[in-house]
Amino acid sequence: MPRFGSPWRQGGRRGFWMEPFVLLLIAEKPSHGYEIANKLSEFGIFINGIGQMGNLYRLLAQLENMGLVTTDWDTETSGPAKKVYKITEYGLEVLGNYTRELSDYKKRIESFIERYSKLKKD
């Protein structure tokens, strides 16, 4: 299985910035696509329209192809069957890596803001 690289250094990949949020939501509770889209709003990420939902489903398919999530079909609820995404052990490992990288990124941003604030005072 290929190792998952840094999300912040893969500039050519669409949607890479959403991966840690999607993985976290799935780790908290296995969910189907529309549930994930709705919960992303808790992070200020709003999925509006068919095109953006398509992007989310492409991201979910990519996460499944990478072995970060698995899927099952929910046929218990009313309506059509829904694909439910569950995080794998590998997905949890990658989520931990994202958490460390986001923490490092936060420190860099805080350092930048602090230095800029000092510049404004001078």
Protein backbone atom coordinates (compact mmCIF):
# COMPACT_ATOMS: atom_id res chain seq x y z
CA MET A 1 0.00 0.00 0.00
CA PRO A 2 1.48 3.41 -0.92
CA ARG A 3 2.40 5.72 1.91
CA PHE A 4 0.38 8.89 2.15
CA GLY A 5 2.41 12.06 1.79
CA SER A 6 2.00 15.54 3.15
CA PRO A 7 -1.23 17.26 2.15
CA TRP A 8 0.48 20.62 2.05
CA ARG A 9 3.12 19.60 -0.50
CA GLN A 10 0.87 18.00 -3.10
CA GLY A 11 -0.26 21.18 -4.79
CA GLY A 12 -1.59 19.48 -7.91
CA ARG A 13 -4.20 17.32 -6.17
CA ARG A 14 -7.69 18.78 -5.96
CA GLY A 15 -9.48 18.55 -2.65
CA PHE A 16 -6.38 17.56 -0.66
CA TRP A 17 -7.07 20.22 1.96
CA MET A 18 -10.40 18.58 2.82
CA GLU A 19 -8.96 15.12 3.45
CA PRO A 20 -8.12 15.56 7.14
CA PHE A 21 -11.60 16.97 7.87
CA VAL A 22 -13.34 14.16 6.00
CA LEU A 23 -11.21 11.50 7.69
CA LEU A 24 -11.89 12.99 11.12
CA LEU A 25 -15.64 13.00 10.52
CA ILE A 26 -15.59 9.39 9.34
CA ALA A 27 -13.41 8.38 12.32
CA GLU A 28 -15.93 9.99 14.68
CA LYS A 29 -18.86 8.18 13.05
CA PRO A 30 -19.13 6.04 9.91
CA SER A 31 -21.27 8.13 7.57
CA HIS A 32 -22.65 8.42 4.08
CA GLY A 33 -21.71 11.21 1.68
CA TYR A 34 -24.52 13.64 2.47
CA GLU A 35 -23.91 13.29 6.21
CA ILE A 36 -20.23 14.09 5.64
CA ALA A 37 -21.13 17.09 3.45
CA ASN A 38 -23.45 18.46 6.15
CA LYS A 39 -20.92 17.93 8.95
CA LEU A 40 -18.16 19.69 6.99
CA SER A 41 -20.07 22.92 7.63
CA GLU A 42 -18.95 22.60 11.29
CA PHE A 43 -15.46 23.47 9.98
CA GLY A 44 -16.69 26.27 7.72
CA ILE A 45 -16.52 24.05 4.62
CA PHE A 46 -19.78 24.27 2.71
CA ILE A 47 -20.68 21.80 -0.02
CA ASN A 48 -23.22 23.43 -2.30
CA GLY A 49 -24.59 22.00 -5.49
CA ILE A 50 -24.13 18.88 -7.54
CA GLY A 51 -20.62 19.79 -8.71
CA GLN A 52 -19.24 20.15 -5.21
CA MET A 53 -20.98 16.96 -4.08
CA GLY A 54 -19.33 15.25 -7.06
CA ASN A 55 -15.96 16.52 -5.85
CA LEU A 56 -16.66 15.12 -2.39
CA TYR A 57 -17.63 11.73 -3.80
CA ARG A 58 -14.46 11.68 -5.94
CA LEU A 59 -12.44 12.43 -2.81
CA LEU A 60 -14.21 9.62 -0.92
CA ALA A 61 -13.51 7.20 -3.80
CA GLN A 62 -9.85 8.27 -3.74
CA LEU A 63 -9.66 7.70 0.03
CA GLU A 64 -11.14 4.24 -0.50
CA ASN A 65 -8.66 3.46 -3.30
CA MET A 66 -5.81 4.51 -1.00
CA GLY A 67 -7.03 2.17 1.74
CA LEU A 68 -7.91 4.96 4.16
CA VAL A 69 -11.61 4.11 4.27
CA THR A 70 -13.80 1.12 3.49
CA THR A 71 -17.46 1.07 2.54
CA ASP A 72 -20.57 -0.90 3.41
CA TRP A 73 -24.12 -0.47 2.18
CA ASP A 74 -26.80 0.70 4.63
CA THR A 75 -30.04 -0.99 3.61
CA GLU A 76 -31.66 -0.70 7.04
CA THR A 77 -32.88 2.90 6.74
CA SER A 78 -35.78 3.99 4.61
CA GLY A 79 -35.15 4.98 1.01
CA PRO A 80 -32.45 3.73 -1.31
CA ALA A 81 -29.36 1.98 0.01
CA LYS A 82 -26.60 4.35 1.08
CA LYS A 83 -22.86 3.80 0.88
CA VAL A 84 -21.40 4.23 4.38
CA TYR A 85 -17.73 5.13 4.77
CA LYS A 86 -15.66 3.70 7.67
CA ILE A 87 -12.09 4.60 8.51
CA THR A 88 -9.41 1.88 8.43
CA GLU A 89 -6.44 1.44 10.76
CA TYR A 90 -4.28 2.93 8.02
CA GLY A 91 -6.73 5.83 7.78
CA LEU A 92 -6.35 6.44 11.52
CA GLU A 93 -2.58 6.46 11.11
CA VAL A 94 -2.84 9.00 8.31
CA LEU A 95 -5.26 11.09 10.39
CA GLY A 96 -2.64 11.18 13.15
CA ASN A 97 -0.06 12.38 10.62
CA TYR A 98 -2.44 15.10 9.46
CA THR A 99 -2.97 16.17 13.05
CA ARG A 100 0.77 16.56 13.62
CA GLU A 101 1.18 18.47 10.36
CA LEU A 102 -1.76 20.75 11.12
CA SER A 103 -0.31 21.45 14.56
CA ASP A 104 3.06 22.37 12.99
CA TYR A 105 1.26 24.51 10.41
CA LYS A 106 -0.64 26.28 13.21
CA LYS A 107 2.66 27.12 14.95
CA ARG A 108 4.05 28.60 11.73
CA ILE A 109 0.93 30.72 11.24
CA GLU A 110 1.04 31.91 14.85
CA SER A 111 4.72 32.83 14.44
CA PHE A 112 3.92 34.74 11.26
CA ILE A 113 1.08 36.68 12.93
CA GLU A 114 3.25 37.46 15.96
CA ARG A 115 6.07 38.80 13.77
CA TYR A 116 3.64 40.83 11.68
CA SER A 117 2.11 42.31 14.86
CA LYS A 118 5.58 43.38 16.04
CA LEU A 119 6.21 44.96 12.64
CA LYS A 120 3.06 47.05 12.93
CA LYS A 121 4.11 48.30 16.41
CA ASP A 122 7.51 49.57 15.19
